[in-house]
Amino acid sequence: MLRVMLFTLMLSPITAFGCSCFSEAKTFEEVIQEHDAIFTGIAIDTEIIPGDWDTSFYKTKMQVIEVWKDKAVTDFVYIKTDTEKNSCGTTAPTIGNRFIVFSHVSKDGLHATGGCSTFIDLDQFETEMLSVGSEEKVVWQSVLTELWAGLGKPKTVYSK
């Protein structure tokens, strides 16, 4: 049960506790089914698209590396990440870092990652794991192992 709870937290943004999307635990298969695309990529450029508190977003170009679910995924995609942390948004993706993205394709053709979609900075995650205790590290490494095992072999792999 603890793993299901931790896995659910990992598949939801940390800021989700203040968001309306935090809900009961879902199976990994349900999480996969509710997203249009699942892929890993490297952030190569980002810009802020201005607007008011609920319409501004970061538009980030990503070089796609591996794809598990591929609606509208090519070797480069643009992701849309909310800027307002109180609305499940986040900071701008760090250029050069690797991410795993569970997205919904928006009306404007971007891969939306804010709200309840999973968008994990894998490089930052690895850095943060250096500062946690050994018990916590074992739990999170187990969660990551389950994530990769649950995804299985990627459908498409792009060369760097």
N, C-alpha and C. Protein backbone atom coordinates (compact mmCIF):
# COMPACT_ATOMS: atom_id res chain seq x y z
N MET A 1 0.82 -1.19 0.00
CA MET A 1 0.00 0.00 0.00
C MET A 1 0.87 1.25 0.00
N LEU A 2 1.97 1.22 0.76
CA LEU A 2 2.87 2.37 0.80
C LEU A 2 3.42 2.66 -0.58
N ARG A 3 3.80 1.61 -1.32
CA ARG A 3 4.33 1.81 -2.67
C ARG A 3 3.30 2.43 -3.58
N VAL A 4 2.03 1.99 -3.48
CA VAL A 4 0.97 2.58 -4.31
C VAL A 4 0.83 4.06 -4.00
N MET A 5 0.87 4.40 -2.72
CA MET A 5 0.75 5.82 -2.34
C MET A 5 1.95 6.61 -2.84
N LEU A 6 3.16 6.09 -2.66
CA LEU A 6 4.36 6.80 -3.13
C LEU A 6 4.36 6.90 -4.64
N PHE A 7 3.96 5.84 -5.31
CA PHE A 7 3.90 5.84 -6.76
C PHE A 7 2.91 6.89 -7.25
N THR A 8 1.76 6.98 -6.58
CA THR A 8 0.76 7.98 -6.94
C THR A 8 1.31 9.39 -6.74
N LEU A 9 2.03 9.60 -5.64
CA LEU A 9 2.62 10.91 -5.41
C LEU A 9 3.64 11.24 -6.48
N MET A 10 4.41 10.25 -6.90
CA MET A 10 5.42 10.49 -7.92
C MET A 10 4.76 10.83 -9.25
N LEU A 11 3.62 10.23 -9.53
CA LEU A 11 2.93 10.48 -10.78
C LEU A 11 2.05 11.73 -10.74
N SER A 12 2.08 12.46 -9.65
CA SER A 12 1.39 13.73 -9.53
C SER A 12 2.42 14.77 -9.14
N PRO A 13 2.27 16.00 -9.62
CA PRO A 13 3.24 17.00 -9.23
C PRO A 13 3.19 17.24 -7.73
N ILE A 14 4.33 17.59 -7.14
CA ILE A 14 4.40 17.85 -5.70
C ILE A 14 3.39 18.91 -5.30
N THR A 15 3.16 19.89 -6.15
CA THR A 15 2.23 20.97 -5.84
C THR A 15 0.78 20.52 -5.90
N ALA A 16 0.54 19.26 -6.26
CA ALA A 16 -0.83 18.79 -6.43
C ALA A 16 -1.63 18.80 -5.14
N PHE A 17 -0.97 18.85 -3.98
CA PHE A 17 -1.73 18.85 -2.74
C PHE A 17 -2.67 20.05 -2.65
N GLY A 18 -2.33 21.17 -3.26
CA GLY A 18 -3.19 22.35 -3.27
C GLY A 18 -4.07 22.40 -4.48
N CYS A 19 -4.05 21.39 -5.31
CA CYS A 19 -4.79 21.36 -6.57
C CYS A 19 -5.98 20.42 -6.46
N SER A 20 -6.94 20.63 -7.31
CA SER A 20 -8.13 19.80 -7.28
C SER A 20 -7.90 18.42 -7.88
N CYS A 21 -6.75 18.18 -8.49
CA CYS A 21 -6.53 16.89 -9.16
C CYS A 21 -6.03 15.80 -8.23
N PHE A 22 -5.64 16.12 -7.03
CA PHE A 22 -5.14 15.09 -6.12
C PHE A 22 -6.32 14.22 -5.70
N SER A 23 -6.25 12.93 -6.01
CA SER A 23 -7.38 12.05 -5.75
C SER A 23 -6.90 10.68 -5.30
N GLU A 24 -7.80 9.74 -5.31
CA GLU A 24 -7.47 8.38 -4.89
C GLU A 24 -6.40 7.77 -5.79
N ALA A 25 -5.72 6.80 -5.26
CA ALA A 25 -4.67 6.11 -6.02
C ALA A 25 -5.27 5.42 -7.24
N LYS A 26 -4.53 5.47 -8.33
CA LYS A 26 -4.93 4.81 -9.56
C LYS A 26 -3.89 3.74 -9.86
N THR A 27 -4.29 2.77 -10.64
CA THR A 27 -3.31 1.79 -11.08
C THR A 27 -2.42 2.44 -12.12
N PHE A 28 -1.25 1.87 -12.32
CA PHE A 28 -0.34 2.41 -13.32
C PHE A 28 -0.97 2.33 -14.70
N GLU A 29 -1.70 1.26 -14.98
CA GLU A 29 -2.36 1.11 -16.27
C GLU A 29 -3.38 2.22 -16.50
N GLU A 30 -4.12 2.61 -15.45
CA GLU A 30 -5.08 3.71 -15.57
C GLU A 30 -4.36 5.03 -15.86
N VAL A 31 -3.23 5.24 -15.21
CA VAL A 31 -2.45 6.46 -15.44
C VAL A 31 -1.98 6.51 -16.89
N ILE A 32 -1.49 5.39 -17.41
CA ILE A 32 -1.04 5.33 -18.81
C ILE A 32 -2.20 5.63 -19.74
N GLN A 33 -3.35 5.03 -19.50
CA GLN A 33 -4.50 5.19 -20.39
C GLN A 33 -5.01 6.63 -20.44
N GLU A 34 -4.91 7.36 -19.35
CA GLU A 34 -5.49 8.71 -19.33
C GLU A 34 -4.60 9.77 -19.97
N HIS A 35 -3.40 9.41 -20.39
CA HIS A 35 -2.51 10.36 -21.05
C HIS A 35 -2.42 10.08 -22.55
N ASP A 36 -2.20 11.15 -23.33
CA ASP A 36 -2.07 11.01 -24.78
C ASP A 36 -0.67 10.54 -25.18
N ALA A 37 0.33 10.96 -24.41
CA ALA A 37 1.71 10.63 -24.76
C ALA A 37 2.54 10.42 -23.51
N ILE A 38 3.52 9.52 -23.63
CA ILE A 38 4.48 9.27 -22.55
C ILE A 38 5.84 9.14 -23.23
N PHE A 39 6.78 9.99 -22.81
CA PHE A 39 8.10 9.97 -23.44
C PHE A 39 9.14 10.58 -22.51
N THR A 40 10.41 10.31 -22.83
CA THR A 40 11.52 11.00 -22.17
C THR A 40 12.13 11.95 -23.19
N GLY A 41 12.69 13.03 -22.68
CA GLY A 41 13.31 13.99 -23.57
C GLY A 41 14.23 14.93 -22.81
N ILE A 42 14.97 15.72 -23.57
CA ILE A 42 15.88 16.71 -23.00
C ILE A 42 15.36 18.09 -23.37
N ALA A 43 15.23 18.96 -22.36
CA ALA A 43 14.79 20.34 -22.61
C ALA A 43 15.91 21.09 -23.32
N ILE A 44 15.60 21.65 -24.50
CA ILE A 44 16.65 22.35 -25.24
C ILE A 44 16.40 23.84 -25.38
N ASP A 45 15.18 24.30 -25.16
CA ASP A 45 14.88 25.73 -25.22
C ASP A 45 13.54 25.97 -24.54
N THR A 46 13.43 27.07 -23.81
CA THR A 46 12.16 27.39 -23.17
C THR A 46 11.90 28.88 -23.22
N GLU A 47 10.65 29.24 -23.28
CA GLU A 47 10.24 30.64 -23.25
C GLU A 47 8.94 30.73 -22.46
N ILE A 48 8.71 31.89 -21.88
CA ILE A 48 7.44 32.09 -21.18
C ILE A 48 6.48 32.75 -22.15
N ILE A 49 5.29 32.21 -22.23
CA ILE A 49 4.23 32.79 -23.05
C ILE A 49 3.39 33.61 -22.08
N PRO A 50 3.40 34.94 -22.24
CA PRO A 50 2.73 35.80 -21.27
C PRO A 50 1.21 35.68 -21.30
N GLY A 51 0.63 36.03 -20.20
CA GLY A 51 -0.81 36.03 -20.02
C GLY A 51 -1.09 36.37 -18.57
N ASP A 52 -2.33 36.21 -18.14
CA ASP A 52 -2.61 36.46 -16.73
C ASP A 52 -2.27 35.20 -15.94
N TRP A 53 -2.63 35.16 -14.67
CA TRP A 53 -2.19 34.08 -13.79
C TRP A 53 -2.60 32.69 -14.25
N ASP A 54 -3.68 32.57 -15.00
CA ASP A 54 -4.12 31.23 -15.41
C ASP A 54 -3.93 30.94 -16.90
N THR A 55 -3.36 31.90 -17.65
CA THR A 55 -3.15 31.64 -19.08
C THR A 55 -1.69 31.69 -19.51
N SER A 56 -0.80 32.17 -18.66
CA SER A 56 0.62 32.17 -19.04
C SER A 56 1.17 30.75 -18.87
N PHE A 57 2.19 30.42 -19.66
CA PHE A 57 2.79 29.09 -19.54
C PHE A 57 4.21 29.13 -20.10
N TYR A 58 4.97 28.09 -19.75
CA TYR A 58 6.29 27.89 -20.33
C TYR A 58 6.11 27.01 -21.56
N LYS A 59 6.70 27.44 -22.67
CA LYS A 59 6.71 26.63 -23.89
C LYS A 59 8.14 26.14 -24.05
N THR A 60 8.33 24.84 -23.95
CA THR A 60 9.67 24.26 -23.96
C THR A 60 9.82 23.28 -25.11
N LYS A 61 10.87 23.48 -25.90
CA LYS A 61 11.18 22.54 -26.97
C LYS A 61 11.98 21.40 -26.36
N MET A 62 11.55 20.18 -26.64
CA MET A 62 12.24 19.01 -26.11
C MET A 62 12.69 18.10 -27.24
N GLN A 63 13.90 17.62 -27.11
CA GLN A 63 14.41 16.59 -28.01
C GLN A 63 13.98 15.26 -27.40
N VAL A 64 13.16 14.53 -28.11
CA VAL A 64 12.60 13.28 -27.61
C VAL A 64 13.65 12.18 -27.71
N ILE A 65 13.72 11.36 -26.67
CA ILE A 65 14.68 10.26 -26.63
C ILE A 65 13.97 8.92 -26.78
N GLU A 66 13.00 8.66 -25.90
CA GLU A 66 12.27 7.39 -25.93
C GLU A 66 10.77 7.69 -25.84
N VAL A 67 9.97 6.86 -26.52
CA VAL A 67 8.52 7.06 -26.55
C VAL A 67 7.82 5.75 -26.19
N TRP A 68 6.88 5.84 -25.24
CA TRP A 68 6.06 4.69 -24.87
C TRP A 68 4.65 4.82 -25.41
N LYS A 69 4.13 6.02 -25.41
CA LYS A 69 2.79 6.29 -25.94
C LYS A 69 2.95 7.53 -26.81
N ASP A 70 2.47 7.49 -28.06
CA ASP A 70 2.99 8.45 -29.02
C ASP A 70 2.03 9.37 -29.75
N LYS A 71 0.93 9.76 -29.17
CA LYS A 71 0.06 10.69 -29.88
C LYS A 71 0.80 12.02 -30.09
N ALA A 72 1.02 12.35 -31.33
CA ALA A 72 1.66 13.61 -31.75
C ALA A 72 3.11 13.76 -31.29
N VAL A 73 3.80 12.64 -31.06
CA VAL A 73 5.20 12.71 -30.64
C VAL A 73 6.09 12.45 -31.85
N THR A 74 7.02 13.37 -32.08
CA THR A 74 8.05 13.21 -33.11
C THR A 74 9.39 13.35 -32.41
N ASP A 75 10.47 13.50 -33.15
CA ASP A 75 11.78 13.60 -32.50
C ASP A 75 11.96 14.90 -31.71
N PHE A 76 11.17 15.93 -32.02
CA PHE A 76 11.13 17.16 -31.23
C PHE A 76 9.68 17.51 -30.97
N VAL A 77 9.36 17.88 -29.73
CA VAL A 77 8.00 18.32 -29.39
C VAL A 77 8.08 19.57 -28.53
N TYR A 78 6.99 20.28 -28.46
CA TYR A 78 6.87 21.43 -27.57
C TYR A 78 5.94 21.05 -26.44
N ILE A 79 6.40 21.30 -25.22
CA ILE A 79 5.55 21.03 -24.07
C ILE A 79 5.09 22.36 -23.48
N LYS A 80 3.95 22.30 -22.85
CA LYS A 80 3.31 23.46 -22.24
C LYS A 80 3.17 23.18 -20.75
N THR A 81 3.84 24.00 -19.93
CA THR A 81 3.83 23.81 -18.49
C THR A 81 3.29 25.06 -17.83
N ASP A 82 2.28 24.92 -16.99
CA ASP A 82 1.71 26.07 -16.28
C ASP A 82 2.77 26.75 -15.44
N THR A 83 2.65 28.08 -15.31
CA THR A 83 3.60 28.84 -14.50
C THR A 83 3.10 29.09 -13.09
N GLU A 84 1.82 29.05 -12.87
CA GLU A 84 1.24 29.38 -11.57
C GLU A 84 1.28 28.17 -10.66
N LYS A 85 2.16 28.21 -9.64
CA LYS A 85 2.32 27.07 -8.74
C LYS A 85 1.03 26.73 -7.99
N ASN A 86 0.24 27.74 -7.67
CA ASN A 86 -1.00 27.47 -6.94
C ASN A 86 -2.03 26.75 -7.81
N SER A 87 -1.80 26.72 -9.12
CA SER A 87 -2.70 26.02 -10.03
C SER A 87 -2.01 24.79 -10.62
N CYS A 88 -1.17 24.17 -9.83
CA CYS A 88 -0.45 22.95 -10.22
C CYS A 88 0.66 23.21 -11.22
N GLY A 89 1.08 24.44 -11.38
CA GLY A 89 2.17 24.74 -12.29
C GLY A 89 3.51 24.50 -11.63
N THR A 90 4.57 24.94 -12.28
CA THR A 90 5.91 24.67 -11.78
C THR A 90 6.87 25.73 -12.30
N THR A 91 8.15 25.57 -12.02
CA THR A 91 9.16 26.46 -12.57
C THR A 91 9.49 26.02 -14.00
N ALA A 92 10.19 26.88 -14.72
CA ALA A 92 10.58 26.54 -16.10
C ALA A 92 11.48 25.31 -16.09
N PRO A 93 11.30 24.43 -17.05
CA PRO A 93 12.19 23.26 -17.14
C PRO A 93 13.64 23.70 -17.31
N THR A 94 14.55 23.01 -16.65
CA THR A 94 15.97 23.32 -16.73
C THR A 94 16.53 22.82 -18.06
N ILE A 95 17.09 23.75 -18.83
CA ILE A 95 17.65 23.42 -20.13
C ILE A 95 18.79 22.41 -19.95
N GLY A 96 18.80 21.39 -20.78
CA GLY A 96 19.83 20.35 -20.73
C GLY A 96 19.47 19.17 -19.86
N ASN A 97 18.43 19.29 -19.03
CA ASN A 97 18.04 18.18 -18.17
C ASN A 97 17.11 17.22 -18.89
N ARG A 98 17.12 15.96 -18.42
CA ARG A 98 16.27 14.90 -18.95
C ARG A 98 14.96 14.88 -18.15
N PHE A 99 13.87 14.63 -18.84
CA PHE A 99 12.55 14.59 -18.21
C PHE A 99 11.80 13.36 -18.68
N ILE A 100 10.91 12.87 -17.82
CA ILE A 100 9.90 11.92 -18.28
C ILE A 100 8.59 12.71 -18.27
N VAL A 101 7.86 12.59 -19.36
CA VAL A 101 6.67 13.41 -19.57
C VAL A 101 5.47 12.50 -19.84
N PHE A 102 4.43 12.69 -19.04
CA PHE A 102 3.12 12.09 -19.28
C PHE A 102 2.25 13.28 -19.65
N SER A 103 1.80 13.37 -20.90
CA SER A 103 1.13 14.61 -21.32
C SER A 103 -0.23 14.36 -21.97
N HIS A 104 -0.94 15.47 -22.08
CA HIS A 104 -2.19 15.54 -22.84
C HIS A 104 -1.90 16.51 -23.99
N VAL A 105 -2.34 16.18 -25.18
CA VAL A 105 -2.14 17.09 -26.30
C VAL A 105 -3.22 18.17 -26.23
N SER A 106 -2.77 19.44 -26.19
CA SER A 106 -3.70 20.56 -26.06
C SER A 106 -4.25 20.98 -27.42
N LYS A 107 -5.25 21.85 -27.40
CA LYS A 107 -5.89 22.34 -28.63
C LYS A 107 -4.88 22.99 -29.57
N ASP A 108 -3.83 23.60 -28.99
CA ASP A 108 -2.83 24.27 -29.81
C ASP A 108 -1.70 23.33 -30.25
N GLY A 109 -1.85 22.03 -30.02
CA GLY A 109 -0.88 21.05 -30.48
C GLY A 109 0.32 20.86 -29.56
N LEU A 110 0.33 21.53 -28.42
CA LEU A 110 1.43 21.37 -27.47
C LEU A 110 1.11 20.21 -26.52
N HIS A 111 2.15 19.66 -25.92
CA HIS A 111 1.97 18.60 -24.94
C HIS A 111 1.85 19.25 -23.56
N ALA A 112 0.62 19.31 -23.05
CA ALA A 112 0.36 19.96 -21.77
C ALA A 112 0.83 19.08 -20.62
N THR A 113 1.61 19.67 -19.70
CA THR A 113 2.18 18.91 -18.60
C THR A 113 1.80 19.46 -17.24
N GLY A 114 1.08 20.54 -17.17
CA GLY A 114 0.69 21.09 -15.87
C GLY A 114 -0.47 20.32 -15.29
N GLY A 115 -0.95 20.78 -14.16
CA GLY A 115 -2.09 20.13 -13.54
C GLY A 115 -1.75 18.73 -13.09
N CYS A 116 -2.50 17.75 -13.55
CA CYS A 116 -2.34 16.38 -13.08
C CYS A 116 -1.40 15.53 -13.92
N SER A 117 -0.81 16.09 -14.95
CA SER A 117 0.13 15.32 -15.77
C SER A 117 1.46 15.20 -15.06
N THR A 118 2.15 14.09 -15.29
CA THR A 118 3.44 13.87 -14.69
C THR A 118 4.53 14.47 -15.56
N PHE A 119 5.42 15.21 -14.91
CA PHE A 119 6.52 15.87 -15.60
C PHE A 119 7.67 15.88 -14.60
N ILE A 120 8.57 14.90 -14.71
CA ILE A 120 9.61 14.71 -13.70
C ILE A 120 10.96 15.03 -14.30
N ASP A 121 11.70 15.93 -13.65
CA ASP A 121 13.06 16.25 -14.04
C ASP A 121 13.94 15.12 -13.48
N LEU A 122 14.35 14.20 -14.33
CA LEU A 122 15.11 13.03 -13.88
C LEU A 122 16.49 13.41 -13.35
N ASP A 123 17.13 14.42 -13.94
CA ASP A 123 18.44 14.86 -13.46
C ASP A 123 18.33 15.48 -12.07
N GLN A 124 17.31 16.32 -11.87
CA GLN A 124 17.09 16.92 -10.55
C GLN A 124 16.75 15.84 -9.52
N PHE A 125 15.94 14.88 -9.92
CA PHE A 125 15.56 13.79 -9.03
C PHE A 125 16.80 13.03 -8.58
N GLU A 126 17.70 12.72 -9.51
CA GLU A 126 18.93 12.01 -9.17
C GLU A 126 19.79 12.83 -8.20
N THR A 127 19.87 14.13 -8.42
CA THR A 127 20.63 15.01 -7.53
C THR A 127 20.02 15.02 -6.13
N GLU A 128 18.71 15.12 -6.05
CA GLU A 128 18.03 15.15 -4.75
C GLU A 128 18.20 13.82 -4.01
N MET A 129 18.31 12.73 -4.74
CA MET A 129 18.49 11.43 -4.10
C MET A 129 19.83 11.33 -3.37
N LEU A 130 20.80 12.16 -3.74
CA LEU A 130 22.09 12.16 -3.06
C LEU A 130 21.99 12.67 -1.63
N SER A 131 20.93 13.45 -1.34
CA SER A 131 20.82 14.07 -0.01
C SER A 131 19.79 13.42 0.90
N VAL A 132 19.14 12.35 0.46
CA VAL A 132 18.14 11.70 1.31
C VAL A 132 18.76 10.52 2.05
N GLY A 133 18.10 10.08 3.09
CA GLY A 133 18.56 8.95 3.87
C GLY A 133 18.48 7.65 3.08
N SER A 134 19.18 6.65 3.56
CA SER A 134 19.26 5.38 2.83
C SER A 134 17.91 4.68 2.71
N GLU A 135 17.07 4.74 3.76
CA GLU A 135 15.75 4.12 3.69
C GLU A 135 14.88 4.78 2.64
N GLU A 136 14.87 6.12 2.66
CA GLU A 136 14.07 6.86 1.69
C GLU A 136 14.59 6.62 0.28
N LYS A 137 15.91 6.55 0.13
CA LYS A 137 16.52 6.30 -1.18
C LYS A 137 16.08 4.94 -1.72
N VAL A 138 16.06 3.93 -0.87
CA VAL A 138 15.65 2.59 -1.29
C VAL A 138 14.19 2.61 -1.77
N VAL A 139 13.33 3.31 -1.03
CA VAL A 139 11.91 3.39 -1.40
C VAL A 139 11.76 4.05 -2.76
N TRP A 140 12.42 5.22 -2.95
CA TRP A 140 12.27 5.95 -4.21
C TRP A 140 12.91 5.21 -5.37
N GLN A 141 14.02 4.53 -5.13
CA GLN A 141 14.63 3.73 -6.20
C GLN A 141 13.70 2.58 -6.60
N SER A 142 13.01 2.03 -5.62
CA SER A 142 12.04 0.98 -5.90
C SER A 142 10.88 1.52 -6.74
N VAL A 143 10.42 2.73 -6.39
CA VAL A 143 9.34 3.36 -7.15
C VAL A 143 9.78 3.60 -8.59
N LEU A 144 10.98 4.12 -8.78
CA LEU A 144 11.49 4.34 -10.14
C LEU A 144 11.63 3.03 -10.90
N THR A 145 12.10 2.00 -10.24
CA THR A 145 12.23 0.70 -10.88
C THR A 145 10.86 0.21 -11.35
N GLU A 146 9.84 0.39 -10.50
CA GLU A 146 8.48 0.00 -10.88
C GLU A 146 7.97 0.83 -12.04
N LEU A 147 8.31 2.12 -12.05
CA LEU A 147 7.89 3.00 -13.15
C LEU A 147 8.45 2.49 -14.47
N TRP A 148 9.77 2.27 -14.52
CA TRP A 148 10.40 1.81 -15.77
C TRP A 148 9.89 0.42 -16.15
N ALA A 149 9.72 -0.45 -15.18
CA ALA A 149 9.21 -1.79 -15.48
C ALA A 149 7.77 -1.72 -16.00
N GLY A 150 6.97 -0.85 -15.40
CA GLY A 150 5.58 -0.69 -15.82
C GLY A 150 5.47 -0.14 -17.23
N LEU A 151 6.39 0.73 -17.60
CA LEU A 151 6.37 1.27 -18.96
C LEU A 151 6.82 0.24 -19.98
N GLY A 152 7.74 -0.63 -19.57
CA GLY A 152 8.25 -1.64 -20.49
C GLY A 152 9.20 -1.05 -21.51
N LYS A 153 9.34 -1.75 -22.59
CA LYS A 153 10.27 -1.33 -23.65
C LYS A 153 9.64 -0.17 -24.44
N PRO A 154 10.42 0.88 -24.73
CA PRO A 154 9.86 1.99 -25.51
C PRO A 154 9.51 1.54 -26.93
N LYS A 155 8.47 2.17 -27.50
CA LYS A 155 8.07 1.87 -28.86
C LYS A 155 9.03 2.48 -29.88
N THR A 156 9.56 3.66 -29.53
CA THR A 156 10.45 4.39 -30.43
C THR A 156 11.61 4.93 -29.62
N VAL A 157 12.81 4.84 -30.19
CA VAL A 157 14.00 5.41 -29.57
C VAL A 157 14.68 6.29 -30.61
N TYR A 158 14.88 7.57 -30.28
CA TYR A 158 15.55 8.49 -31.18
C TYR A 158 17.01 8.59 -30.79
N SER A 159 17.89 8.64 -31.77
CA SER A 159 19.33 8.81 -31.50
C SER A 159 19.59 10.23 -31.07
N LYS A 160 20.62 10.39 -30.24
CA LYS A 160 20.99 11.74 -29.80
C LYS A 160 21.74 12.45 -30.88
